[in-house]
Amino acid sequence: MKNEGCVRIMIIEENDDMSLFEDSGRVYITIKKDGFNLKKFDEMTRKYPRLKVSNFMAVKKAVESKSHEAIEIGTWIESMGLDISADKMEALITFYESQAYIHENIIDVQSAIQKLLVEHHITYGQQPLDFLTIKTGKSYIIAQGLPPQKGEDAKISYLSQAEKKPVINEDGKADYFDMNFIVEIEEGSWLGEKIPPKNGTPGKNILGEQVPASPGNDLPLKYDTKCAYEVEEVGKTVLRSKTKGVIGEVNGLLSVQKHLIVDGDVGLETGNLKFDGSIQVKGTIMPGYSVIASGDVSVEAKEGVNSAELIKSTEGDVFIKGGIFGRGVTKVEAHKNIYIKHANECSLEAKENIQIGYYALGSTIFANEIFLDERKGKIIGGKVIAINSITAAYCGNSLERKTELIVQGIDRKILTENAKIHAEKMMKLQNELTKLNVQVSQLKQLENTMSVQQIAVYEQTKQKYNNMQQEVKEIDAEIQRILKMLRHTGDYYINITKEANAGTIIQIGNKSSMLASRTNGKFKLENGELNV
């Protein structure tokens, strides 16, 4: 090292060929002999990790012109560098000394690290380093903060609905199809609750500063405000019923539906029934009569239904404990599922699934998935159409009665387009809802001073708003149904576990085949062809 006045010069390397020195952070080279070349320059610079060459072309020019003037070639960086993350949760240290230097001067290096940490006010989370494995130019974590812990999310629980799953029991004498289909509740009953989100645990950054934590995510209780309300009870929000009724779900919202109980039969004494809620018929539905409900429909007579005209649920499920003798006139429609003991000469249609306990005889059936008991469920005659799958033990009979089993699959392009059309319609309705909501709010402020005609306009506007809200919910439910179908990635199949008789038509998509002999198994498309 040389001092010329106030100028500090450090000799990095000097020999007969050249002199390499640093002055105020800048590095210079003086070539003493004409024999010095670029290869020697490269070998020399590799020995000094702290040397960052930025002007190689100047060296090349000096070598070629055989100049012996001092040439600035780059900079002399600090022996180690420190980088702090933007969130002050981590510091990385990079060493620019050679490995040999670090191994021989561990104590000095440790002291330099501590000095660097103090200069940057790093007081928390220092990490140990293995100095024997440190590599030049590689970064290592020297300090790490304690991340804050997000709080637990709110916890939601609801009153369990009836498990609508048919069970077929055998006692050696008789078979029966039974379900716990309806859950009745009283006014003020517990419907669900929310335990609020918890606060998180604060963290600490490498400067020793506290890092606030995010609370857990809050979640809403999803319910129909017309039939339930929230109340705060000992550190939690409890959902309770406003009315007596039947627990259900409408468009993804927990609902308490009105519940009509018919102790006997639907017939001459009751007439046709149409009800906004669920209907529980403890008897049967007489020939020619109809039952239509927005909620679930349950018909509990052991003898089932004989020649009823229409049994329909516009928003829920249909359960017929004793089955149907339709005589070609009975239709059953469900917005969700149909559960039935047997189907004889009737029409069944559900947007979701149909479960039949024992047999379907000469019936027309349509659903997303259709299940008959895998041990003894029979499909004889008629046409059974599913979107995804059909399962039964037997199909057709020994007389080769024509029986059509069809799995359509889905046209993704058409479904996607339908979802898009529904979404556009829902967006328009939501815009109109926003405008109507403003009108209703403005009219409400004048409620006490309105004339008779103004009150009529106010009520009509409210009714229009409510109707439009319901339409939006229905469109959203249809969009969700389509998206669920689009998410289906399983095979489309017809599964006959015991015996598929000759005369049965098997169709998957646009491929069909009539069975010429008895067989069984899972029929599906393989390489574009039916595996019949």
Protein backbone atom coordinates (compact mmCIF):
# COMPACT_ATOMS: atom_id res chain seq x y z
CA MET A 1 0.00 0.00 0.00
CA LYS A 2 1.31 3.48 -0.88
CA ASN A 3 0.26 6.90 0.37
CA GLU A 4 0.91 9.86 -1.91
CA GLY A 5 -0.21 12.91 0.04
CA CYS A 6 -3.87 12.25 0.88
CA VAL A 7 -4.18 9.65 -1.84
CA ARG A 8 -4.46 6.03 -0.66
CA ILE A 9 -3.25 3.43 -3.14
CA MET A 10 -3.37 -0.32 -2.52
CA ILE A 11 -1.16 -2.64 -4.51
CA ILE A 12 -3.17 -5.74 -5.29
CA GLU A 13 -0.47 -7.61 -7.22
CA GLU A 14 2.83 -6.60 -8.79
CA ASN A 15 5.38 -8.58 -10.78
CA ASP A 16 7.74 -8.20 -13.72
CA ASP A 17 4.83 -8.29 -16.21
CA MET A 18 2.36 -5.91 -14.67
CA SER A 19 1.20 -3.89 -11.67
CA LEU A 20 -2.41 -4.15 -10.41
CA PHE A 21 -3.52 -1.54 -7.89
CA GLU A 22 -6.62 0.08 -6.38
CA ASP A 23 -7.19 3.80 -5.90
CA SER A 24 -10.40 5.07 -4.23
CA GLY A 25 -12.32 1.94 -5.20
CA ARG A 26 -11.14 1.96 -8.81
CA VAL A 27 -8.72 -0.67 -10.09
CA TYR A 28 -5.91 0.05 -12.56
CA ILE A 29 -3.37 -2.08 -14.38
CA THR A 30 0.00 -1.06 -15.76
CA ILE A 31 1.54 -3.45 -18.29
CA LYS A 32 5.30 -3.50 -17.92
CA LYS A 33 6.32 -6.00 -20.62
CA ASP A 34 5.13 -6.49 -24.15
CA GLY A 35 4.76 -10.24 -23.53
CA PHE A 36 1.79 -9.76 -21.22
CA ASN A 37 -1.32 -11.12 -22.97
CA LEU A 38 -5.03 -11.58 -22.42
CA LYS A 39 -4.66 -15.16 -21.17
CA LYS A 40 -2.34 -13.99 -18.39
CA PHE A 41 -4.80 -11.20 -17.62
CA ASP A 42 -7.66 -13.70 -17.29
CA GLU A 43 -5.60 -15.99 -15.02
CA MET A 44 -4.64 -13.07 -12.85
CA THR A 45 -8.13 -11.63 -12.40
CA ARG A 46 -9.59 -15.04 -11.42
CA LYS A 47 -7.52 -14.91 -8.21
CA TYR A 48 -9.35 -11.81 -6.95
CA PRO A 49 -13.14 -12.25 -6.45
CA ARG A 50 -13.37 -8.65 -5.25
CA LEU A 51 -12.18 -7.40 -8.63
CA LYS A 52 -15.07 -6.61 -10.96
CA VAL A 53 -13.68 -6.04 -14.46
CA SER A 54 -15.84 -3.60 -16.41
CA ASN A 55 -13.45 -2.42 -19.13
CA PHE A 56 -12.00 -5.50 -20.80
CA MET A 57 -11.82 -3.77 -24.16
CA ALA A 58 -9.37 -1.21 -22.75
CA VAL A 59 -7.07 -4.03 -21.65
CA LYS A 60 -7.32 -5.69 -25.04
CA LYS A 61 -6.48 -2.41 -26.75
CA ALA A 62 -3.50 -1.79 -24.43
CA VAL A 63 -2.14 -5.30 -25.05
CA GLU A 64 -2.51 -4.92 -28.81
CA SER A 65 -0.96 -1.40 -28.88
CA LYS A 66 1.70 -2.40 -26.32
CA SER A 67 0.82 0.60 -24.18
CA HIS A 68 2.48 0.89 -20.76
CA GLU A 69 0.09 3.51 -19.41
CA ALA A 70 -2.08 2.87 -16.32
CA ILE A 71 -5.50 1.69 -17.48
CA GLU A 72 -8.68 1.69 -15.40
CA ILE A 73 -10.19 -1.80 -15.72
CA GLY A 74 -12.92 -1.99 -13.05
CA THR A 75 -13.75 -1.65 -9.37
CA TRP A 76 -12.67 -3.17 -6.07
CA ILE A 77 -15.81 -4.14 -4.18
CA GLU A 78 -16.30 -4.73 -0.46
CA SER A 79 -15.34 -8.12 0.89
CA MET A 80 -18.99 -8.90 1.58
CA GLY A 81 -22.34 -7.45 0.55
CA LEU A 82 -25.65 -7.37 2.40
CA ASP A 83 -29.11 -7.33 0.79
CA ILE A 84 -32.25 -6.76 2.86
CA SER A 85 -35.63 -7.82 1.50
CA ALA A 86 -38.27 -5.15 0.93
CA ASP A 87 -40.39 -6.50 3.80
CA LYS A 88 -37.33 -6.52 6.13
CA MET A 89 -37.94 -10.19 6.90
CA GLU A 90 -34.69 -11.53 5.44
CA ALA A 91 -31.08 -10.48 4.92
CA LEU A 92 -28.71 -12.19 2.49
CA ILE A 93 -24.92 -11.92 2.74
CA THR A 94 -22.65 -12.52 -0.21
CA PHE A 95 -18.91 -13.12 0.22
CA TYR A 96 -16.45 -11.78 -2.35
CA GLU A 97 -13.26 -12.99 -0.71
CA SER A 98 -11.68 -16.25 -1.83
CA GLN A 99 -12.53 -19.44 0.03
CA ALA A 100 -8.92 -19.70 1.16
CA TYR A 101 -9.08 -16.19 2.66
CA ILE A 102 -12.34 -16.96 4.49
CA HIS A 103 -10.98 -20.23 5.93
CA GLU A 104 -7.79 -18.56 7.11
CA ASN A 105 -9.49 -15.48 8.60
CA ILE A 106 -12.72 -16.81 10.15
CA ILE A 107 -12.53 -14.58 13.24
CA ASP A 108 -11.97 -11.45 11.14
CA VAL A 109 -14.79 -12.44 8.82
CA GLN A 110 -17.14 -12.98 11.78
CA SER A 111 -16.24 -9.56 13.14
CA ALA A 112 -16.86 -7.97 9.76
CA ILE A 113 -20.28 -9.65 9.61
CA GLN A 114 -21.26 -8.34 13.02
CA LYS A 115 -20.14 -4.85 12.06
CA LEU A 116 -22.22 -5.06 8.87
CA LEU A 117 -25.32 -6.17 10.82
CA VAL A 118 -24.91 -3.31 13.30
CA GLU A 119 -24.52 -0.79 10.47
CA HIS A 120 -27.84 -1.97 9.03
CA HIS A 121 -29.58 -2.11 12.45
CA ILE A 122 -30.24 -5.85 12.19
CA THR A 123 -30.95 -7.09 15.71
CA TYR A 124 -33.20 -10.13 15.31
CA GLY A 125 -33.06 -13.56 13.73
CA GLN A 126 -29.33 -13.95 13.00
CA GLN A 127 -28.63 -17.30 11.34
CA PRO A 128 -25.46 -19.36 11.85
CA LEU A 129 -23.08 -19.89 8.94
CA ASP A 130 -20.82 -22.84 8.18
CA PHE A 131 -17.67 -20.98 7.17
CA LEU A 132 -16.00 -24.17 5.95
CA THR A 133 -18.59 -24.60 3.18
CA ILE A 134 -19.03 -20.99 2.14
CA LYS A 135 -18.47 -20.35 -1.56
CA THR A 136 -17.32 -17.13 -3.09
CA GLY A 137 -20.06 -15.14 -4.82
CA LYS A 138 -22.92 -17.20 -3.35
CA SER A 139 -25.57 -15.61 -1.12
CA TYR A 140 -26.52 -16.99 2.29
CA ILE A 141 -29.29 -16.11 4.73
CA ILE A 142 -27.67 -14.24 7.60
CA ALA A 143 -30.84 -13.03 9.33
CA GLN A 144 -34.46 -14.11 9.13
CA GLY A 145 -37.53 -12.60 10.75
CA LEU A 146 -40.40 -14.41 12.40
CA PRO A 147 -43.39 -14.34 10.01
CA PRO A 148 -46.74 -13.32 11.49
CA GLN A 149 -49.28 -16.14 11.76
CA LYS A 150 -52.65 -15.44 10.18
CA GLY A 151 -55.59 -16.04 12.49
CA GLU A 152 -57.97 -18.96 12.09
CA ASP A 153 -60.83 -18.41 9.67
CA ALA A 154 -64.38 -18.21 10.92
CA LYS A 155 -65.95 -21.64 11.45
CA ILE A 156 -69.42 -22.27 10.07
CA SER A 157 -71.70 -25.18 10.94
CA TYR A 158 -75.30 -25.89 10.02
CA LEU A 159 -78.08 -28.16 11.19
CA SER A 160 -77.68 -31.40 9.26
CA GLN A 161 -80.35 -32.03 6.70
CA ALA A 162 -81.92 -35.43 6.24
CA GLU A 163 -79.54 -37.82 4.51
CA LYS A 164 -81.53 -38.51 1.41
CA LYS A 165 -80.01 -41.88 0.73
CA PRO A 166 -82.27 -44.87 0.20
CA VAL A 167 -81.57 -48.03 2.16
CA ILE A 168 -82.90 -51.39 1.01
CA ASN A 169 -83.31 -53.81 3.90
CA GLU A 170 -83.99 -57.52 3.71
CA ASP A 171 -85.59 -59.39 6.64
CA GLY A 172 -86.41 -62.64 4.86
CA LYS A 173 -90.11 -61.76 4.50
CA ALA A 174 -90.37 -58.41 2.84
CA ASP A 175 -88.25 -55.73 1.26
CA TYR A 176 -88.95 -52.06 1.84
CA PHE A 177 -87.57 -48.74 0.70
CA ASP A 178 -87.25 -46.23 3.53
CA MET A 179 -85.75 -42.79 4.04
CA ASN A 180 -85.57 -40.12 6.73
CA PHE A 181 -86.62 -37.57 4.12
CA ILE A 182 -87.76 -34.53 6.11
CA VAL A 183 -86.29 -32.73 9.15
CA GLU A 184 -88.97 -30.69 10.93
CA ILE A 185 -88.00 -27.75 13.13
CA GLU A 186 -89.79 -25.40 15.51
CA GLU A 187 -89.73 -21.62 15.62
CA GLY A 188 -86.49 -20.43 17.23
CA SER A 189 -84.68 -23.71 16.47
CA TRP A 190 -80.90 -23.71 16.09
CA LEU A 191 -80.06 -23.80 12.38
CA GLY A 192 -76.37 -23.11 12.48
CA GLU A 193 -73.65 -20.94 13.95
CA LYS A 194 -70.49 -19.04 13.18
CA ILE A 195 -67.48 -18.88 15.45
CA PRO A 196 -65.80 -15.60 14.47
CA PRO A 197 -62.31 -15.48 12.96
CA LYS A 198 -59.43 -15.24 15.39
CA ASN A 199 -56.69 -12.63 15.53
CA GLY A 200 -53.34 -13.73 14.25
CA THR A 201 -50.00 -13.88 16.09
CA PRO A 202 -47.68 -10.92 15.32
CA GLY A 203 -44.26 -11.58 13.88
CA LYS A 204 -40.96 -9.73 14.10
CA ASN A 205 -38.70 -8.47 11.31
CA ILE A 206 -34.91 -8.54 11.32
CA LEU A 207 -34.82 -4.96 12.66
CA GLY A 208 -36.65 -6.16 15.75
CA GLU A 209 -39.88 -4.42 14.75
CA GLN A 210 -43.22 -6.09 15.33
CA VAL A 211 -45.02 -7.24 12.18
CA PRO A 212 -48.81 -7.18 12.54
CA ALA A 213 -50.73 -10.34 11.70
CA SER A 214 -53.86 -10.60 9.57
CA PRO A 215 -56.98 -11.89 11.26
CA GLY A 216 -58.62 -15.01 9.83
CA ASN A 217 -61.08 -14.65 6.99
CA ASP A 218 -64.65 -13.93 7.96
CA LEU A 219 -67.27 -16.11 6.32
CA PRO A 220 -70.98 -15.38 5.93
CA LEU A 221 -73.77 -17.60 7.15
CA LYS A 222 -75.66 -18.48 4.00
CA TYR A 223 -79.40 -18.47 4.61
CA ASP A 224 -82.70 -17.05 3.42
CA THR A 225 -83.30 -13.94 5.53
CA LYS A 226 -87.06 -14.42 5.19
CA CYS A 227 -86.99 -17.52 7.34
CA ALA A 228 -83.98 -17.19 9.66
CA TYR A 229 -82.12 -14.58 11.69
CA GLU A 230 -78.76 -14.11 13.40
CA VAL A 231 -78.26 -13.54 17.12
CA GLU A 232 -75.06 -13.07 19.12
CA GLU A 233 -74.65 -15.72 21.83
CA VAL A 234 -71.55 -16.11 24.01
CA GLY A 235 -68.82 -15.35 21.51
CA LYS A 236 -70.52 -16.70 18.43
CA THR A 237 -73.26 -15.85 15.95
CA VAL A 238 -76.17 -18.27 16.07
CA LEU A 239 -78.66 -18.77 13.26
CA ARG A 240 -82.23 -19.43 14.38
CA SER A 241 -85.48 -20.13 12.60
CA LYS A 242 -88.18 -17.46 12.33
CA THR A 243 -90.85 -20.05 11.70
CA LYS A 244 -91.86 -23.63 12.14
CA GLY A 245 -91.21 -25.69 9.03
CA VAL A 246 -88.84 -28.01 7.22
CA ILE A 247 -85.12 -27.47 6.81
CA GLY A 248 -84.03 -27.24 3.18
CA GLU A 249 -81.79 -25.50 0.69
CA VAL A 250 -82.81 -23.16 -2.12
CA ASN A 251 -80.20 -21.84 -4.57
CA GLY A 252 -77.41 -22.63 -2.13
CA LEU A 253 -79.06 -20.86 0.82
CA LEU A 254 -80.27 -22.58 3.98
CA SER A 255 -84.02 -22.25 4.08
CA VAL A 256 -86.92 -23.07 6.37
CA GLN A 257 -89.76 -23.94 4.08
CA LYS A 258 -93.40 -24.03 4.88
CA HIS A 259 -94.52 -27.55 5.51
CA LEU A 260 -97.90 -28.91 4.53
CA ILE A 261 -98.80 -32.27 6.06
CA VAL A 262 -101.61 -34.27 4.50
CA ASP A 263 -102.58 -36.93 7.07
CA GLY A 264 -104.46 -39.02 4.54
CA ASP A 265 -104.68 -39.14 0.76
CA VAL A 266 -104.64 -36.41 -1.86
CA GLY A 267 -107.94 -36.88 -3.65
CA LEU A 268 -111.54 -35.76 -3.66
CA GLU A 269 -111.35 -34.16 -0.18
CA THR A 270 -108.19 -32.13 -0.84
CA GLY A 271 -108.33 -31.59 -4.60
CA ASN A 272 -105.08 -30.96 -6.49
CA LEU A 273 -102.41 -29.42 -4.28
CA LYS A 274 -100.08 -26.58 -5.19
CA PHE A 275 -97.97 -25.26 -2.31
CA ASP A 276 -95.05 -22.88 -1.77
CA GLY A 277 -93.06 -25.12 0.53
CA SER A 278 -92.72 -28.85 1.16
CA ILE A 279 -95.59 -31.35 1.10
CA GLN A 280 -95.67 -34.53 3.14
CA VAL A 281 -98.46 -36.89 2.08
CA LYS A 282 -98.84 -39.63 4.65
CA GLY A 283 -101.24 -41.50 2.42
CA THR A 284 -101.24 -41.73 -1.37
CA ILE A 285 -102.15 -39.54 -4.35
CA MET A 286 -105.33 -40.82 -5.92
CA PRO A 287 -105.74 -41.45 -9.69
CA GLY A 288 -105.95 -38.26 -11.73
CA TYR A 289 -104.76 -35.92 -8.94
CA SER A 290 -101.64 -33.77 -8.83
CA VAL A 291 -99.25 -32.42 -6.21
CA ILE A 292 -96.92 -29.52 -7.02
CA ALA A 293 -94.60 -27.98 -4.41
CA SER A 294 -91.66 -25.60 -4.45
CA GLY A 295 -89.93 -27.70 -1.78
CA ASP A 296 -89.61 -31.44 -1.29
CA VAL A 297 -92.52 -33.80 -1.94
CA SER A 298 -92.84 -36.95 0.15
CA VAL A 299 -95.49 -39.62 -0.47
CA GLU A 300 -95.33 -42.20 2.31
CA ALA A 301 -98.07 -44.76 1.62
CA LYS A 302 -96.64 -48.31 1.48
CA GLU A 303 -98.83 -49.10 -1.52
CA GLY A 304 -97.31 -46.18 -3.42
CA VAL A 305 -99.07 -44.15 -6.11
CA ASN A 306 -101.54 -45.46 -8.69
CA SER A 307 -102.32 -43.43 -11.85
CA ALA A 308 -101.73 -40.01 -10.27
CA GLU A 309 -101.35 -37.32 -12.90
CA LEU A 310 -98.37 -35.17 -11.79
CA ILE A 311 -96.01 -35.11 -8.80
CA LYS A 312 -93.59 -32.20 -9.05
CA SER A 313 -91.02 -30.31 -6.98
CA THR A 314 -89.89 -27.05 -8.58
CA GLU A 315 -86.88 -26.57 -6.27
CA GLY A 316 -86.32 -29.81 -4.34
CA ASP A 317 -86.58 -33.60 -4.33
CA VAL A 318 -89.40 -36.12 -4.69
CA PHE A 319 -89.63 -39.27 -2.56
CA ILE A 320 -92.27 -41.96 -3.19
CA LYS A 321 -91.86 -44.67 -0.60
CA GLY A 322 -94.06 -47.30 -2.23
CA GLY A 323 -93.32 -46.76 -5.89
CA ILE A 324 -95.59 -45.98 -8.84
CA PHE A 325 -98.12 -47.87 -10.94
CA GLY A 326 -98.51 -45.17 -13.56
CA ARG A 327 -100.65 -46.85 -16.24
CA GLY A 328 -98.98 -44.57 -18.74
CA VAL A 329 -100.29 -41.31 -17.23
CA THR A 330 -98.19 -40.54 -14.14
CA LYS A 331 -95.39 -37.99 -14.45
CA VAL A 332 -92.85 -37.20 -11.72
CA GLU A 333 -90.59 -34.16 -12.05
CA ALA A 334 -87.93 -32.90 -9.63
CA HIS A 335 -85.61 -29.92 -9.75
CA LYS A 336 -83.04 -32.05 -7.89
CA ASN A 337 -83.47 -35.80 -7.22
CA ILE A 338 -86.15 -38.51 -7.34
CA TYR A 339 -86.13 -41.46 -4.90
CA ILE A 340 -88.63 -44.21 -5.61
CA LYS A 341 -89.17 -47.88 -4.76
CA HIS A 342 -90.21 -48.90 -8.27
CA ALA A 343 -91.40 -47.25 -11.49
CA ASN A 344 -94.13 -48.99 -13.50
CA GLU A 345 -95.37 -47.40 -16.77
CA CYS A 346 -94.63 -43.81 -15.73
CA SER A 347 -92.42 -40.89 -16.65
CA LEU A 348 -89.62 -39.68 -14.34
CA GLU A 349 -87.47 -36.60 -14.93
CA ALA A 350 -84.89 -35.05 -12.58
CA LYS A 351 -82.20 -32.42 -13.16
CA GLU A 352 -79.83 -34.29 -10.86
CA ASN A 353 -80.16 -38.02 -10.07
CA ILE A 354 -82.84 -40.73 -9.90
CA GLN A 355 -82.55 -43.66 -7.50
CA ILE A 356 -84.91 -46.61 -7.95
CA GLY A 357 -85.01 -49.39 -5.39
CA TYR A 358 -86.17 -52.45 -7.30
CA TYR A 359 -87.31 -52.07 -10.91
CA ALA A 360 -88.33 -49.79 -13.76
CA LEU A 361 -90.91 -51.36 -16.06
CA GLY A 362 -92.02 -49.77 -19.33
CA SER A 363 -91.10 -46.29 -18.14
CA THR A 364 -89.46 -43.22 -19.61
CA ILE A 365 -86.74 -41.93 -17.31
CA PHE A 366 -84.34 -39.00 -17.67
CA ALA A 367 -81.69 -37.67 -15.22
CA ASN A 368 -78.03 -36.84 -14.83
CA GLU A 369 -77.31 -40.23 -13.25
CA ILE A 370 -79.72 -43.15 -12.79
CA PHE A 371 -79.17 -45.83 -10.15
CA LEU A 372 -80.96 -49.10 -9.51
CA ASP A 373 -79.87 -51.59 -6.88
CA GLU A 374 -76.74 -53.37 -8.16
CA ARG A 375 -77.86 -56.69 -6.63
CA LYS A 376 -81.37 -56.98 -8.08
CA GLY A 377 -82.47 -53.72 -9.70
CA LYS A 378 -84.15 -54.35 -13.07
CA ILE A 379 -84.85 -52.18 -16.12
CA ILE A 380 -87.39 -53.90 -18.37
CA GLY A 381 -88.78 -52.13 -21.41
CA GLY A 382 -89.11 -48.38 -21.85
CA LYS A 383 -86.40 -45.80 -22.42
CA VAL A 384 -83.86 -44.76 -19.78
CA ILE A 385 -81.74 -41.71 -20.63
CA ALA A 386 -78.91 -40.33 -18.50
CA ILE A 387 -76.30 -37.69 -19.12
CA ASN A 388 -73.47 -39.43 -17.23
CA SER A 389 -74.31 -43.00 -16.21
CA ILE A 390 -76.88 -45.78 -15.72
CA THR A 391 -76.40 -48.55 -13.17
CA ALA A 392 -78.58 -51.65 -12.67
CA ALA A 393 -78.30 -55.38 -12.04
CA TYR A 394 -80.50 -56.52 -14.94
CA CYS A 395 -81.87 -55.05 -18.15
CA GLY A 396 -84.33 -56.43 -20.70
CA ASN A 397 -85.83 -59.89 -20.23
CA SER A 398 -85.76 -63.38 -21.70
CA LEU A 399 -88.51 -62.43 -24.19
CA GLU A 400 -86.15 -59.81 -25.61
CA ARG A 401 -88.45 -56.93 -24.75
CA LYS A 402 -87.11 -53.74 -26.32
CA THR A 403 -85.26 -51.80 -23.65
CA GLU A 404 -83.32 -48.66 -24.49
CA LEU A 405 -80.44 -47.54 -22.25
CA ILE A 406 -78.92 -44.26 -23.42
CA VAL A 407 -76.10 -42.20 -21.95
CA GLN A 408 -75.91 -38.93 -23.86
CA GLY A 409 -72.74 -37.37 -22.49
CA ILE A 410 -72.43 -33.61 -22.88
CA ASP A 411 -71.66 -31.20 -25.68
CA ARG A 412 -69.15 -28.94 -23.97
CA LYS A 413 -69.38 -26.28 -26.65
CA ILE A 414 -73.16 -25.96 -26.32
CA LEU A 415 -73.04 -26.04 -22.50
CA THR A 416 -70.32 -23.39 -22.40
CA GLU A 417 -72.35 -21.18 -24.73
CA ASN A 418 -75.46 -21.69 -22.57
CA ALA A 419 -73.52 -20.74 -19.45
CA LYS A 420 -72.29 -17.60 -21.22
CA ILE A 421 -75.84 -16.63 -22.29
CA HIS A 422 -77.14 -17.16 -18.74
CA ALA A 423 -74.25 -15.13 -17.30
CA GLU A 424 -74.97 -12.21 -19.66
CA LYS A 425 -78.65 -12.31 -18.76
CA MET A 426 -77.84 -12.38 -15.04
CA MET A 427 -75.53 -9.36 -15.44
CA LYS A 428 -78.32 -7.36 -17.11
CA LEU A 429 -80.76 -8.33 -14.37
CA GLN A 430 -78.27 -7.34 -11.68
CA ASN A 431 -77.90 -3.90 -13.27
CA GLU A 432 -81.68 -3.51 -13.30
CA LEU A 433 -81.81 -4.71 -9.68
CA THR A 434 -79.38 -1.97 -8.66
CA LYS A 435 -81.62 0.67 -10.27
CA LEU A 436 -84.76 -0.81 -8.71
CA ASN A 437 -83.11 -0.91 -5.31
CA VAL A 438 -82.44 2.84 -5.54
CA GLN A 439 -86.09 3.44 -6.50
CA VAL A 440 -87.36 1.32 -3.59
CA SER A 441 -85.08 3.15 -1.14
CA GLN A 442 -86.22 6.57 -2.39
CA LEU A 443 -89.92 5.62 -2.24
CA LYS A 444 -89.51 4.15 1.25
CA GLN A 445 -88.42 7.54 2.58
CA LEU A 446 -91.78 8.97 1.45
CA GLU A 447 -93.81 6.00 2.72
CA ASN A 448 -95.66 7.97 5.42
CA THR A 449 -96.78 10.77 3.06
CA MET A 450 -97.79 8.71 0.03
CA SER A 451 -101.15 8.85 -1.70
CA VAL A 452 -103.04 5.64 -2.46
CA GLN A 453 -101.68 5.60 -6.02
CA GLN A 454 -98.10 6.18 -4.82
CA ILE A 455 -98.42 3.33 -2.33
CA ALA A 456 -99.57 1.08 -5.18
CA VAL A 457 -96.53 2.09 -7.26
CA TYR A 458 -94.28 1.46 -4.25
CA GLU A 459 -95.70 -2.04 -3.68
CA GLN A 460 -95.47 -2.88 -7.39
CA THR A 461 -91.82 -1.76 -7.46
CA LYS A 462 -91.03 -3.88 -4.40
CA GLN A 463 -92.76 -6.89 -5.96
CA LYS A 464 -90.84 -6.42 -9.20
CA TYR A 465 -87.59 -6.18 -7.22
CA ASN A 466 -88.35 -9.39 -5.28
CA ASN A 467 -89.33 -11.27 -8.46
CA MET A 468 -86.17 -10.16 -10.19
CA GLN A 469 -84.06 -11.25 -7.20
CA GLN A 470 -85.61 -14.71 -7.41
CA GLU A 471 -84.93 -14.87 -11.14
CA VAL A 472 -81.26 -13.99 -10.55
CA LYS A 473 -80.99 -16.80 -7.97
CA GLU A 474 -82.54 -19.30 -10.38
CA ILE A 475 -80.22 -18.27 -13.23
CA ASP A 476 -77.21 -18.52 -10.93
CA ALA A 477 -78.31 -22.02 -9.84
CA GLU A 478 -78.59 -23.06 -13.51
CA ILE A 479 -75.11 -21.68 -14.23
CA GLN A 480 -73.72 -23.66 -11.29
CA ARG A 481 -75.46 -26.81 -12.57
CA ILE A 482 -73.91 -26.35 -16.02
CA LEU A 483 -70.46 -25.72 -14.53
CA LYS A 484 -70.81 -28.88 -12.44
CA MET A 485 -71.54 -30.84 -15.61
CA LEU A 486 -68.54 -29.27 -17.35
CA ARG A 487 -66.31 -30.26 -14.43
CA HIS A 488 -67.33 -33.91 -14.81
CA THR A 489 -64.24 -35.75 -16.06
CA GLY A 490 -65.28 -39.38 -15.47
CA ASP A 491 -66.26 -41.89 -18.11
CA TYR A 492 -69.77 -42.04 -19.48
CA TYR A 493 -71.00 -45.58 -18.99
CA ILE A 494 -73.84 -48.09 -18.58
CA ASN A 495 -73.09 -50.65 -15.86
CA ILE A 496 -75.18 -53.86 -15.81
CA THR A 497 -73.77 -55.98 -13.01
CA LYS A 498 -75.76 -59.24 -13.47
CA GLU A 499 -77.43 -59.73 -16.83
CA ALA A 500 -78.09 -57.64 -19.93
CA ASN A 501 -80.55 -59.55 -22.11
CA ALA A 502 -80.69 -59.76 -25.88
CA GLY A 503 -82.86 -57.04 -27.40
CA THR A 504 -81.46 -54.35 -25.14
CA ILE A 505 -80.22 -51.27 -26.98
CA ILE A 506 -77.04 -49.84 -25.52
CA GLN A 507 -76.12 -46.30 -26.59
CA ILE A 508 -73.27 -44.03 -25.48
CA GLY A 509 -73.15 -40.67 -27.24
CA ASN A 510 -73.90 -41.36 -30.91
CA LYS A 511 -72.68 -44.99 -30.81
CA SER A 512 -75.34 -47.65 -30.28
CA SER A 513 -75.72 -51.41 -30.48
CA MET A 514 -78.51 -53.93 -29.88
CA LEU A 515 -77.38 -56.88 -27.79
CA ALA A 516 -77.68 -60.20 -29.62
CA SER A 517 -77.05 -62.38 -26.58
CA ARG A 518 -76.90 -62.20 -22.80
CA THR A 519 -73.95 -60.42 -21.31
CA ASN A 520 -73.01 -58.03 -18.50
CA GLY A 521 -70.37 -55.50 -17.54
CA LYS A 522 -69.59 -51.81 -17.87
CA PHE A 523 -70.37 -50.56 -21.38
CA LYS A 524 -68.52 -47.46 -22.52
CA LEU A 525 -66.64 -45.97 -25.43
CA GLU A 526 -63.13 -47.27 -25.99
CA ASN A 527 -61.12 -45.65 -28.79
CA GLY A 528 -64.34 -44.12 -30.07
CA GLU A 529 -66.25 -47.41 -30.27
CA LEU A 530 -68.67 -49.20 -27.94
CA ASN A 531 -67.08 -52.12 -26.07
CA VAL A 532 -70.16 -54.31 -26.52
